[in-house]
Amino acid sequence: MNQERNWATVATPRTVYVGIVDRSEFDRIASPMTDHRLAAEPHNRRDVLTKTVEQHAALGVTVVFQHWVS
């Protein structure tokens, strides 16, 4: 995924995905990182790094930050 700017989308009422273009900006998010290897098509392999932040339990909102590695 080749994005030129940050983006956000609400996948469900309790889940928000935020794409962070700049790796240094993504690295400043104080949450553990997970490295995902996406191999839907062998010739079009993309990797994505994610950091998940779960908000107050009563609100039940999860924010997933993503940085796509080209």
PDB file of N, CA and C in Angstrom:
ATOM      1  N   MET A   1       0.856  -1.162   0.000  1.00  0.00           N
ATOM      2  CA  MET A   1       0.000   0.000   0.000  1.00  0.00           C
ATOM      3  C   MET A   1       0.903   1.225   0.000  1.00  0.00           C
ATOM      4  N   ASN A   2       0.782   2.026  -0.981  1.00  0.00           N
ATOM      5  CA  ASN A   2       1.624   3.191  -1.119  1.00  0.00           C
ATOM      6  C   ASN A   2       0.803   4.448  -0.844  1.00  0.00           C
ATOM      7  N   GLN A   3       0.831   4.938   0.375  1.00  0.00           N
ATOM      8  CA  GLN A   3       0.058   6.105   0.770  1.00  0.00           C
ATOM      9  C   GLN A   3       0.979   7.306   0.875  1.00  0.00           C
ATOM     10  N   GLU A   4       0.492   8.488   0.509  1.00  0.00           N
ATOM     11  CA  GLU A   4       1.272   9.703   0.607  1.00  0.00           C
ATOM     12  C   GLU A   4       0.981  10.475   1.879  1.00  0.00           C
ATOM     13  N   ARG A   5      -0.120  10.159   2.563  1.00  0.00           N
ATOM     14  CA  ARG A   5      -0.457  10.870   3.790  1.00  0.00           C
ATOM     15  C   ARG A   5      -1.133   9.918   4.772  1.00  0.00           C
ATOM     16  N   ASN A   6      -1.165  10.343   6.025  1.00  0.00           N
ATOM     17  CA  ASN A   6      -1.815   9.540   7.056  1.00  0.00           C
ATOM     18  C   ASN A   6      -3.304   9.448   6.764  1.00  0.00           C
ATOM     19  N   TRP A   7      -3.941   8.396   7.249  1.00  0.00           N
ATOM     20  CA  TRP A   7      -5.362   8.201   7.029  1.00  0.00           C
ATOM     21  C   TRP A   7      -5.960   7.490   8.241  1.00  0.00           C
ATOM     22  N   ALA A   8      -7.265   7.526   8.346  1.00  0.00           N
ATOM     23  CA  ALA A   8      -7.969   6.797   9.405  1.00  0.00           C
ATOM     24  C   ALA A   8      -9.298   6.298   8.853  1.00  0.00           C
ATOM     25  N   THR A   9      -9.727   5.158   9.361  1.00  0.00           N
ATOM     26  CA  THR A   9     -11.030   4.613   8.971  1.00  0.00           C
ATOM     27  C   THR A   9     -11.649   3.926  10.185  1.00  0.00           C
ATOM     28  N   VAL A  10     -12.946   4.021  10.300  1.00  0.00           N
ATOM     29  CA  VAL A  10     -13.680   3.368  11.378  1.00  0.00           C
ATOM     30  C   VAL A  10     -14.238   2.070  10.806  1.00  0.00           C
ATOM     31  N   ALA A  11     -13.623   0.965  11.195  1.00  0.00           N
ATOM     32  CA  ALA A  11     -14.026  -0.344  10.664  1.00  0.00           C
ATOM     33  C   ALA A  11     -15.325  -0.823  11.309  1.00  0.00           C
ATOM     34  N   THR A  12     -15.445  -0.605  12.596  1.00  0.00           N
ATOM     35  CA  THR A  12     -16.660  -0.919  13.344  1.00  0.00           C
ATOM     36  C   THR A  12     -16.847   0.221  14.352  1.00  0.00           C
ATOM     37  N   PRO A  13     -17.964   0.298  15.023  1.00  0.00           N
ATOM     38  CA  PRO A  13     -18.137   1.375  16.004  1.00  0.00           C
ATOM     39  C   PRO A  13     -17.100   1.348  17.134  1.00  0.00           C
ATOM     40  N   ARG A  14     -16.404   0.236  17.281  1.00  0.00           N
ATOM     41  CA  ARG A  14     -15.419   0.124  18.364  1.00  0.00           C
ATOM     42  C   ARG A  14     -13.993  -0.135  17.881  1.00  0.00           C
ATOM     43  N   THR A  15     -13.753  -0.046  16.568  1.00  0.00           N
ATOM     44  CA  THR A  15     -12.418  -0.294  16.023  1.00  0.00           C
ATOM     45  C   THR A  15     -12.061   0.786  15.009  1.00  0.00           C
ATOM     46  N   VAL A  16     -10.902   1.411  15.219  1.00  0.00           N
ATOM     47  CA  VAL A  16     -10.420   2.458  14.320  1.00  0.00           C
ATOM     48  C   VAL A  16      -9.043   2.045  13.812  1.00  0.00           C
ATOM     49  N   TYR A  17      -8.829   2.139  12.500  1.00  0.00           N
ATOM     50  CA  TYR A  17      -7.519   1.881  11.902  1.00  0.00           C
ATOM     51  C   TYR A  17      -6.923   3.212  11.478  1.00  0.00           C
ATOM     52  N   VAL A  18      -5.655   3.417  11.815  1.00  0.00           N
ATOM     53  CA  VAL A  18      -4.945   4.655  11.462  1.00  0.00           C
ATOM     54  C   VAL A  18      -3.676   4.271  10.716  1.00  0.00           C
ATOM     55  N   GLY A  19      -3.536   4.739   9.490  1.00  0.00           N
ATOM     56  CA  GLY A  19      -2.327   4.487   8.707  1.00  0.00           C
ATOM     57  C   GLY A  19      -1.347   5.626   8.893  1.00  0.00           C
ATOM     58  N   ILE A  20      -0.133   5.299   9.293  1.00  0.00           N
ATOM     59  CA  ILE A  20       0.914   6.289   9.512  1.00  0.00           C
ATOM     60  C   ILE A  20       1.963   6.110   8.422  1.00  0.00           C
ATOM     61  N   VAL A  21       2.173   7.137   7.610  1.00  0.00           N
ATOM     62  CA  VAL A  21       3.092   7.047   6.474  1.00  0.00           C
ATOM     63  C   VAL A  21       4.555   7.075   6.921  1.00  0.00           C
ATOM     64  N   ASP A  22       4.890   7.995   7.801  1.00  0.00           N
ATOM     65  CA  ASP A  22       6.285   8.217   8.216  1.00  0.00           C
ATOM     66  C   ASP A  22       6.666   7.206   9.300  1.00  0.00           C
ATOM     67  N   ARG A  23       7.666   6.395   9.033  1.00  0.00           N
ATOM     68  CA  ARG A  23       8.075   5.349   9.981  1.00  0.00           C
ATOM     69  C   ARG A  23       8.521   5.940  11.316  1.00  0.00           C
ATOM     70  N   SER A  24       9.210   7.084  11.299  1.00  0.00           N
ATOM     71  CA  SER A  24       9.665   7.680  12.559  1.00  0.00           C
ATOM     72  C   SER A  24       8.475   8.141  13.403  1.00  0.00           C
ATOM     73  N   GLU A  25       7.428   8.614  12.759  1.00  0.00           N
ATOM     74  CA  GLU A  25       6.202   9.010  13.468  1.00  0.00           C
ATOM     75  C   GLU A  25       5.535   7.769  14.065  1.00  0.00           C
ATOM     76  N   PHE A  26       5.474   6.693  13.299  1.00  0.00           N
ATOM     77  CA  PHE A  26       4.914   5.427  13.777  1.00  0.00           C
ATOM     78  C   PHE A  26       5.699   4.916  14.982  1.00  0.00           C
ATOM     79  N   ASP A  27       7.035   5.020  14.926  1.00  0.00           N
ATOM     80  CA  ASP A  27       7.883   4.523  16.007  1.00  0.00           C
ATOM     81  C   ASP A  27       7.684   5.280  17.319  1.00  0.00           C
ATOM     82  N   ARG A  28       7.197   6.511  17.257  1.00  0.00           N
ATOM     83  CA  ARG A  28       6.979   7.312  18.479  1.00  0.00           C
ATOM     84  C   ARG A  28       5.750   6.872  19.259  1.00  0.00           C
ATOM     85  N   ILE A  29       4.900   6.046  18.681  1.00  0.00           N
ATOM     86  CA  ILE A  29       3.703   5.571  19.385  1.00  0.00           C
ATOM     87  C   ILE A  29       4.153   4.569  20.453  1.00  0.00           C
ATOM     88  N   ALA A  30       3.823   4.861  21.697  1.00  0.00           N
ATOM     89  CA  ALA A  30       4.294   4.061  22.838  1.00  0.00           C
ATOM     90  C   ALA A  30       3.420   2.820  23.023  1.00  0.00           C
ATOM     91  N   SER A  31       3.648   1.837  22.178  1.00  0.00           N
ATOM     92  CA  SER A  31       2.915   0.578  22.242  1.00  0.00           C
ATOM     93  C   SER A  31       3.773  -0.487  21.573  1.00  0.00           C
ATOM     94  N   PRO A  32       3.682  -1.748  22.001  1.00  0.00           N
ATOM     95  CA  PRO A  32       4.464  -2.802  21.358  1.00  0.00           C
ATOM     96  C   PRO A  32       4.093  -2.958  19.879  1.00  0.00           C
ATOM     97  N   MET A  33       5.076  -3.294  19.068  1.00  0.00           N
ATOM     98  CA  MET A  33       4.879  -3.430  17.628  1.00  0.00           C
ATOM     99  C   MET A  33       4.761  -4.899  17.238  1.00  0.00           C
ATOM    100  N   THR A  34       3.912  -5.175  16.258  1.00  0.00           N
ATOM    101  CA  THR A  34       3.792  -6.505  15.666  1.00  0.00           C
ATOM    102  C   THR A  34       4.098  -6.390  14.182  1.00  0.00           C
ATOM    103  N   ASP A  35       4.898  -7.307  13.670  1.00  0.00           N
ATOM    104  CA  ASP A  35       5.282  -7.326  12.256  1.00  0.00           C
ATOM    105  C   ASP A  35       4.458  -8.409  11.566  1.00  0.00           C
ATOM    106  N   HIS A  36       3.628  -8.000  10.606  1.00  0.00           N
ATOM    107  CA  HIS A  36       2.773  -8.945   9.884  1.00  0.00           C
ATOM    108  C   HIS A  36       3.313  -9.150   8.473  1.00  0.00           C
ATOM    109  N   ARG A  37       3.387 -10.361   8.051  1.00  0.00           N
ATOM    110  CA  ARG A  37       3.800 -10.688   6.680  1.00  0.00           C
ATOM    111  C   ARG A  37       2.542 -11.067   5.909  1.00  0.00           C
ATOM    112  N   LEU A  38       2.178 -10.249   4.958  1.00  0.00           N
ATOM    113  CA  LEU A  38       0.975 -10.506   4.170  1.00  0.00           C
ATOM    114  C   LEU A  38       1.386 -11.103   2.833  1.00  0.00           C
ATOM    115  N   ALA A  39       0.963 -12.291   2.567  1.00  0.00           N
ATOM    116  CA  ALA A  39       1.369 -12.963   1.335  1.00  0.00           C
ATOM    117  C   ALA A  39       0.136 -13.464   0.591  1.00  0.00           C
ATOM    118  N   ALA A  40      -0.805 -12.586   0.355  1.00  0.00           N
ATOM    119  CA  ALA A  40      -2.010 -12.981  -0.379  1.00  0.00           C
ATOM    120  C   ALA A  40      -1.663 -13.434  -1.787  1.00  0.00           C
ATOM    121  N   GLU A  41      -0.716 -12.741  -2.395  1.00  0.00           N
ATOM    122  CA  GLU A  41      -0.229 -13.120  -3.722  1.00  0.00           C
ATOM    123  C   GLU A  41       1.293 -13.190  -3.636  1.00  0.00           C
ATOM    124  N   PRO A  42       1.894 -14.303  -3.966  1.00  0.00           N
ATOM    125  CA  PRO A  42       3.343 -14.461  -3.809  1.00  0.00           C
ATOM    126  C   PRO A  42       4.159 -13.365  -4.498  1.00  0.00           C
ATOM    127  N   HIS A  43       3.725 -12.882  -5.636  1.00  0.00           N
ATOM    128  CA  HIS A  43       4.497 -11.866  -6.349  1.00  0.00           C
ATOM    129  C   HIS A  43       4.197 -10.445  -5.855  1.00  0.00           C
ATOM    130  N   ASN A  44       3.198 -10.291  -4.980  1.00  0.00           N
ATOM    131  CA  ASN A  44       2.806  -8.977  -4.493  1.00  0.00           C
ATOM    132  C   ASN A  44       2.815  -8.963  -2.964  1.00  0.00           C
ATOM    133  N   ARG A  45       3.922  -9.400  -2.388  1.00  0.00           N
ATOM    134  CA  ARG A  45       4.024  -9.512  -0.942  1.00  0.00           C
ATOM    135  C   ARG A  45       4.195  -8.133  -0.304  1.00  0.00           C
ATOM    136  N   ARG A  46       3.385  -7.863   0.710  1.00  0.00           N
ATOM    137  CA  ARG A  46       3.485  -6.607   1.443  1.00  0.00           C
ATOM    138  C   ARG A  46       3.565  -6.913   2.923  1.00  0.00           C
ATOM    139  N   ASP A  47       4.292  -6.103   3.631  1.00  0.00           N
ATOM    140  CA  ASP A  47       4.398  -6.256   5.071  1.00  0.00           C
ATOM    141  C   ASP A  47       3.784  -5.033   5.747  1.00  0.00           C
ATOM    142  N   VAL A  48       3.184  -5.252   6.897  1.00  0.00           N
ATOM    143  CA  VAL A  48       2.600  -4.143   7.655  1.00  0.00           C
ATOM    144  C   VAL A  48       3.000  -4.290   9.124  1.00  0.00           C
ATOM    145  N   LEU A  49       3.370  -3.172   9.721  1.00  0.00           N
ATOM    146  CA  LEU A  49       3.679  -3.121  11.138  1.00  0.00           C
ATOM    147  C   LEU A  49       2.459  -2.542  11.833  1.00  0.00           C
ATOM    148  N   THR A  50       2.094  -3.098  12.980  1.00  0.00           N
ATOM    149  CA  THR A  50       0.936  -2.575  13.710  1.00  0.00           C
ATOM    150  C   THR A  50       1.282  -2.343  15.177  1.00  0.00           C
ATOM    151  N   LYS A  51       0.584  -1.375  15.748  1.00  0.00           N
ATOM    152  CA  LYS A  51       0.622  -1.117  17.186  1.00  0.00           C
ATOM    153  C   LYS A  51      -0.825  -0.911  17.599  1.00  0.00           C
ATOM    154  N   THR A  52      -1.262  -1.632  18.616  1.00  0.00           N
ATOM    155  CA  THR A  52      -2.653  -1.583  19.042  1.00  0.00           C
ATOM    156  C   THR A  52      -2.766  -0.897  20.399  1.00  0.00           C
ATOM    157  N   VAL A  53      -3.717   0.022  20.489  1.00  0.00           N
ATOM    158  CA  VAL A  53      -3.989   0.725  21.737  1.00  0.00           C
ATOM    159  C   VAL A  53      -5.461   0.510  22.066  1.00  0.00           C
ATOM    160  N   GLU A  54      -5.721  -0.071  23.227  1.00  0.00           N
ATOM    161  CA  GLU A  54      -7.100  -0.276  23.653  1.00  0.00           C
ATOM    162  C   GLU A  54      -7.449   0.820  24.650  1.00  0.00           C
ATOM    163  N   GLN A  55      -8.519   1.511  24.371  1.00  0.00           N
ATOM    164  CA  GLN A  55      -8.964   2.605  25.234  1.00  0.00           C
ATOM    165  C   GLN A  55      -9.671   2.065  26.465  1.00  0.00           C
ATOM    166  N   HIS A  56     -10.141   2.942  27.295  1.00  0.00           N
ATOM    167  CA  HIS A  56     -10.831   2.602  28.543  1.00  0.00           C
ATOM    168  C   HIS A  56     -11.795   1.437  28.330  1.00  0.00           C
ATOM    169  N   ALA A  57     -11.749   0.474  29.207  1.00  0.00           N
ATOM    170  CA  ALA A  57     -12.557  -0.744  29.058  1.00  0.00           C
ATOM    171  C   ALA A  57     -14.052  -0.447  28.917  1.00  0.00           C
ATOM    172  N   ALA A  58     -14.549   0.571  29.601  1.00  0.00           N
ATOM    173  CA  ALA A  58     -15.981   0.890  29.515  1.00  0.00           C
ATOM    174  C   ALA A  58     -16.358   1.363  28.116  1.00  0.00           C
ATOM    175  N   LEU A  59     -15.430   2.045  27.432  1.00  0.00           N
ATOM    176  CA  LEU A  59     -15.695   2.516  26.081  1.00  0.00           C
ATOM    177  C   LEU A  59     -15.537   1.393  25.066  1.00  0.00           C
ATOM    178  N   GLY A  60     -14.599   0.491  25.314  1.00  0.00           N
ATOM    179  CA  GLY A  60     -14.383  -0.640  24.425  1.00  0.00           C
ATOM    180  C   GLY A  60     -13.917  -0.264  23.036  1.00  0.00           C
ATOM    181  N   VAL A  61     -13.096   0.773  22.937  1.00  0.00           N
ATOM    182  CA  VAL A  61     -12.596   1.213  21.634  1.00  0.00           C
ATOM    183  C   VAL A  61     -11.158   0.759  21.458  1.00  0.00           C
ATOM    184  N   THR A  62     -10.855   0.173  20.289  1.00  0.00           N
ATOM    185  CA  THR A  62      -9.506  -0.258  19.962  1.00  0.00           C
ATOM    186  C   THR A  62      -9.017   0.539  18.758  1.00  0.00           C
ATOM    187  N   VAL A  63      -7.811   1.094  18.876  1.00  0.00           N
ATOM    188  CA  VAL A  63      -7.201   1.831  17.772  1.00  0.00           C
ATOM    189  C   VAL A  63      -5.985   1.037  17.304  1.00  0.00           C
ATOM    190  N   VAL A  64      -5.959   0.715  16.000  1.00  0.00           N
ATOM    191  CA  VAL A  64      -4.850  -0.042  15.431  1.00  0.00           C
ATOM    192  C   VAL A  64      -4.082   0.894  14.499  1.00  0.00           C
ATOM    193  N   PHE A  65      -2.839   1.198  14.864  1.00  0.00           N
ATOM    194  CA  PHE A  65      -1.970   2.025  14.034  1.00  0.00           C
ATOM    195  C   PHE A  65      -1.225   1.103  13.074  1.00  0.00           C
ATOM    196  N   GLN A  66      -1.121   1.492  11.803  1.00  0.00           N
ATOM    197  CA  GLN A  66      -0.449   0.664  10.798  1.00  0.00           C
ATOM    198  C   GLN A  66       0.588   1.477  10.050  1.00  0.00           C
ATOM    199  N   HIS A  67       1.697   0.821   9.722  1.00  0.00           N
ATOM    200  CA  HIS A  67       2.706   1.406   8.831  1.00  0.00           C
ATOM    201  C   HIS A  67       3.023   0.324   7.803  1.00  0.00           C
ATOM    202  N   TRP A  68       2.755   0.627   6.536  1.00  0.00           N
ATOM    203  CA  TRP A  68       2.979  -0.336   5.454  1.00  0.00           C
ATOM    204  C   TRP A  68       4.411  -0.235   4.959  1.00  0.00           C
ATOM    205  N   VAL A  69       5.107  -1.355   4.924  1.00  0.00           N
ATOM    206  CA  VAL A  69       6.494  -1.412   4.463  1.00  0.00           C
ATOM    207  C   VAL A  69       6.476  -1.787   2.982  1.00  0.00           C
ATOM    208  N   SER A  70       7.120  -0.967   2.143  1.00  0.00           N
ATOM    209  CA  SER A  70       7.113  -1.284   0.715  1.00  0.00           C
ATOM    210  C   SER A  70       8.231  -2.218   0.341  1.00  0.00           C
TER     211      SER A  70
END
